[in-house]
Amino acid sequence: SSLGMLMTSFSRSYDFFSYYYTLVISPMFVFSGTFFPLEPFPKWAQAMAHLLPLTYSVRVARNLFMGIFTISDALILIAITLLGLVLTVWATRRLVRQIMV
């Protein structure tokens, strides 16, 4: 949600969101392993997947559903939470600045 709020702060019109959805959200779902595992993907796609925050959320969710929770999963959750907080603060500052102008 913080990433969406940040994109809202950059948008100039409603049409901007079609670019955001097409260029960011859709590929993130496809290449993050949401619908199928990453192993069958080519190496370049697997490398790209590790740059996407959704990949790590999917990994933690799958492990939790299988009853596995490791230190790695806890670190991923902490990192995702920190990323969310940073993006929320950044987006809030941008939106407040736009409202005040």
C-alpha atoms as a PDB file:
ATOM      1  CA  SER A   1       0.000   0.000   0.000  1.00  0.00           C
ATOM      2  CA  SER A   2       2.891   2.358   0.683  1.00  0.00           C
ATOM      3  CA  LEU A   3       4.194   1.833  -2.849  1.00  0.00           C
ATOM      4  CA  GLY A   4       0.747   2.693  -4.218  1.00  0.00           C
ATOM      5  CA  MET A   5       0.583   5.802  -2.036  1.00  0.00           C
ATOM      6  CA  LEU A   6       4.012   6.856  -3.304  1.00  0.00           C
ATOM      7  CA  MET A   7       2.884   6.433  -6.911  1.00  0.00           C
ATOM      8  CA  THR A   8      -0.179   8.523  -6.087  1.00  0.00           C
ATOM      9  CA  SER A   9       2.117  11.312  -4.950  1.00  0.00           C
ATOM     10  CA  PHE A  10       3.893  11.246  -8.338  1.00  0.00           C
ATOM     11  CA  SER A  11       0.776  11.046 -10.506  1.00  0.00           C
ATOM     12  CA  ARG A  12      -0.307  14.071 -12.491  1.00  0.00           C
ATOM     13  CA  SER A  13      -3.602  12.541 -13.627  1.00  0.00           C
ATOM     14  CA  TYR A  14      -5.707   9.416 -13.312  1.00  0.00           C
ATOM     15  CA  ASP A  15      -4.180   8.038 -16.531  1.00  0.00           C
ATOM     16  CA  PHE A  16      -0.831   7.691 -14.773  1.00  0.00           C
ATOM     17  CA  PHE A  17      -2.143   4.657 -12.884  1.00  0.00           C
ATOM     18  CA  SER A  18      -2.587   2.623 -16.060  1.00  0.00           C
ATOM     19  CA  TYR A  19       1.165   3.021 -16.691  1.00  0.00           C
ATOM     20  CA  TYR A  20       1.956   2.095 -13.107  1.00  0.00           C
ATOM     21  CA  TYR A  21      -0.245  -0.986 -13.201  1.00  0.00           C
ATOM     22  CA  THR A  22       0.996  -2.116 -16.613  1.00  0.00           C
ATOM     23  CA  LEU A  23       4.699  -1.451 -16.082  1.00  0.00           C
ATOM     24  CA  VAL A  24       5.093  -2.222 -12.356  1.00  0.00           C
ATOM     25  CA  ILE A  25       2.280  -4.220 -10.773  1.00  0.00           C
ATOM     26  CA  SER A  26       1.596  -6.767 -13.532  1.00  0.00           C
ATOM     27  CA  PRO A  27       5.253  -7.771 -14.081  1.00  0.00           C
ATOM     28  CA  MET A  28       5.751  -7.925 -10.318  1.00  0.00           C
ATOM     29  CA  PHE A  29       2.961 -10.499 -10.025  1.00  0.00           C
ATOM     30  CA  VAL A  30       4.270 -12.541 -12.956  1.00  0.00           C
ATOM     31  CA  PHE A  31       7.948 -12.548 -11.982  1.00  0.00           C
ATOM     32  CA  SER A  32       7.644 -12.806  -8.200  1.00  0.00           C
ATOM     33  CA  GLY A  33       6.509 -16.413  -8.034  1.00  0.00           C
ATOM     34  CA  THR A  34       2.984 -15.551  -6.976  1.00  0.00           C
ATOM     35  CA  PHE A  35       1.268 -17.979  -9.324  1.00  0.00           C
ATOM     36  CA  PHE A  36       4.035 -20.550  -9.926  1.00  0.00           C
ATOM     37  CA  PRO A  37       7.554 -21.232  -8.607  1.00  0.00           C
ATOM     38  CA  LEU A  38      10.566 -19.291  -9.865  1.00  0.00           C
ATOM     39  CA  GLU A  39      12.743 -22.336 -10.599  1.00  0.00           C
ATOM     40  CA  PRO A  40      11.415 -22.971 -14.170  1.00  0.00           C
ATOM     41  CA  PHE A  41      12.191 -19.342 -15.136  1.00  0.00           C
ATOM     42  CA  PRO A  42      15.406 -18.501 -16.985  1.00  0.00           C
ATOM     43  CA  LYS A  43      18.282 -17.208 -14.871  1.00  0.00           C
ATOM     44  CA  TRP A  44      17.732 -13.576 -15.955  1.00  0.00           C
ATOM     45  CA  ALA A  45      14.096 -13.722 -14.826  1.00  0.00           C
ATOM     46  CA  GLN A  46      15.075 -15.272 -11.497  1.00  0.00           C
ATOM     47  CA  ALA A  47      17.625 -12.496 -10.964  1.00  0.00           C
ATOM     48  CA  MET A  48      14.988  -9.889 -11.790  1.00  0.00           C
ATOM     49  CA  ALA A  49      12.565 -11.541  -9.362  1.00  0.00           C
ATOM     50  CA  HIS A  50      14.999 -11.031  -6.496  1.00  0.00           C
ATOM     51  CA  LEU A  51      14.760  -7.269  -7.057  1.00  0.00           C
ATOM     52  CA  LEU A  52      10.998  -7.283  -6.475  1.00  0.00           C
ATOM     53  CA  PRO A  53       9.642  -6.895  -2.927  1.00  0.00           C
ATOM     54  CA  LEU A  54       6.674  -9.185  -3.630  1.00  0.00           C
ATOM     55  CA  THR A  55       9.040 -12.149  -4.198  1.00  0.00           C
ATOM     56  CA  TYR A  56      10.055 -12.126  -0.559  1.00  0.00           C
ATOM     57  CA  SER A  57       6.492 -11.708   0.700  1.00  0.00           C
ATOM     58  CA  VAL A  58       5.436 -14.722  -1.367  1.00  0.00           C
ATOM     59  CA  ARG A  59       8.349 -16.761   0.005  1.00  0.00           C
ATOM     60  CA  VAL A  60       7.407 -15.974   3.615  1.00  0.00           C
ATOM     61  CA  ALA A  61       3.707 -16.662   2.981  1.00  0.00           C
ATOM     62  CA  ARG A  62       4.465 -20.047   1.398  1.00  0.00           C
ATOM     63  CA  ASN A  63       6.723 -21.014   4.286  1.00  0.00           C
ATOM     64  CA  LEU A  64       4.070 -20.008   6.820  1.00  0.00           C
ATOM     65  CA  PHE A  65       1.418 -22.066   5.048  1.00  0.00           C
ATOM     66  CA  MET A  66       3.773 -25.065   5.109  1.00  0.00           C
ATOM     67  CA  GLY A  67       4.372 -24.557   8.830  1.00  0.00           C
ATOM     68  CA  ILE A  68       7.982 -23.428   8.389  1.00  0.00           C
ATOM     69  CA  PHE A  69       9.253 -20.201   9.904  1.00  0.00           C
ATOM     70  CA  THR A  70      12.972 -19.532   9.921  1.00  0.00           C
ATOM     71  CA  ILE A  71      15.258 -16.697  10.962  1.00  0.00           C
ATOM     72  CA  SER A  72      15.495 -15.828   7.269  1.00  0.00           C
ATOM     73  CA  ASP A  73      11.723 -15.344   7.155  1.00  0.00           C
ATOM     74  CA  ALA A  74      11.839 -13.103  10.242  1.00  0.00           C
ATOM     75  CA  LEU A  75      14.572 -10.978   8.637  1.00  0.00           C
ATOM     76  CA  ILE A  76      12.541 -10.715   5.435  1.00  0.00           C
ATOM     77  CA  LEU A  77       9.489  -9.565   7.410  1.00  0.00           C
ATOM     78  CA  ILE A  78      11.585  -6.954   9.214  1.00  0.00           C
ATOM     79  CA  ALA A  79      13.058  -5.713   5.919  1.00  0.00           C
ATOM     80  CA  ILE A  80       9.629  -5.518   4.260  1.00  0.00           C
ATOM     81  CA  THR A  81       8.247  -3.625   7.262  1.00  0.00           C
ATOM     82  CA  LEU A  82      11.136  -1.153   7.185  1.00  0.00           C
ATOM     83  CA  LEU A  83      10.734  -0.666   3.433  1.00  0.00           C
ATOM     84  CA  GLY A  84       7.027  -0.037   3.954  1.00  0.00           C
ATOM     85  CA  LEU A  85       7.719   2.515   6.677  1.00  0.00           C
ATOM     86  CA  VAL A  86      10.294   4.367   4.567  1.00  0.00           C
ATOM     87  CA  LEU A  87       7.967   4.462   1.548  1.00  0.00           C
ATOM     88  CA  THR A  88       5.044   5.594   3.729  1.00  0.00           C
ATOM     89  CA  VAL A  89       7.037   8.477   5.221  1.00  0.00           C
ATOM     90  CA  TRP A  90       8.319   9.493   1.780  1.00  0.00           C
ATOM     91  CA  ALA A  91       4.845   9.363   0.209  1.00  0.00           C
ATOM     92  CA  THR A  92       3.236  11.214   3.132  1.00  0.00           C
ATOM     93  CA  ARG A  93       5.773  14.034   2.913  1.00  0.00           C
ATOM     94  CA  ARG A  94       5.243  14.337  -0.837  1.00  0.00           C
ATOM     95  CA  LEU A  95       1.449  14.365  -0.506  1.00  0.00           C
ATOM     96  CA  VAL A  96       1.466  16.901   2.330  1.00  0.00           C
ATOM     97  CA  ARG A  97       3.783  19.145   0.310  1.00  0.00           C
ATOM     98  CA  GLN A  98       1.414  18.917  -2.700  1.00  0.00           C
ATOM     99  CA  ILE A  99      -1.639  19.670  -0.581  1.00  0.00           C
ATOM    100  CA  MET A 100       0.015  22.713   0.996  1.00  0.00           C
ATOM    101  CA  VAL A 101       0.898  24.253  -2.386  1.00  0.00           C
END
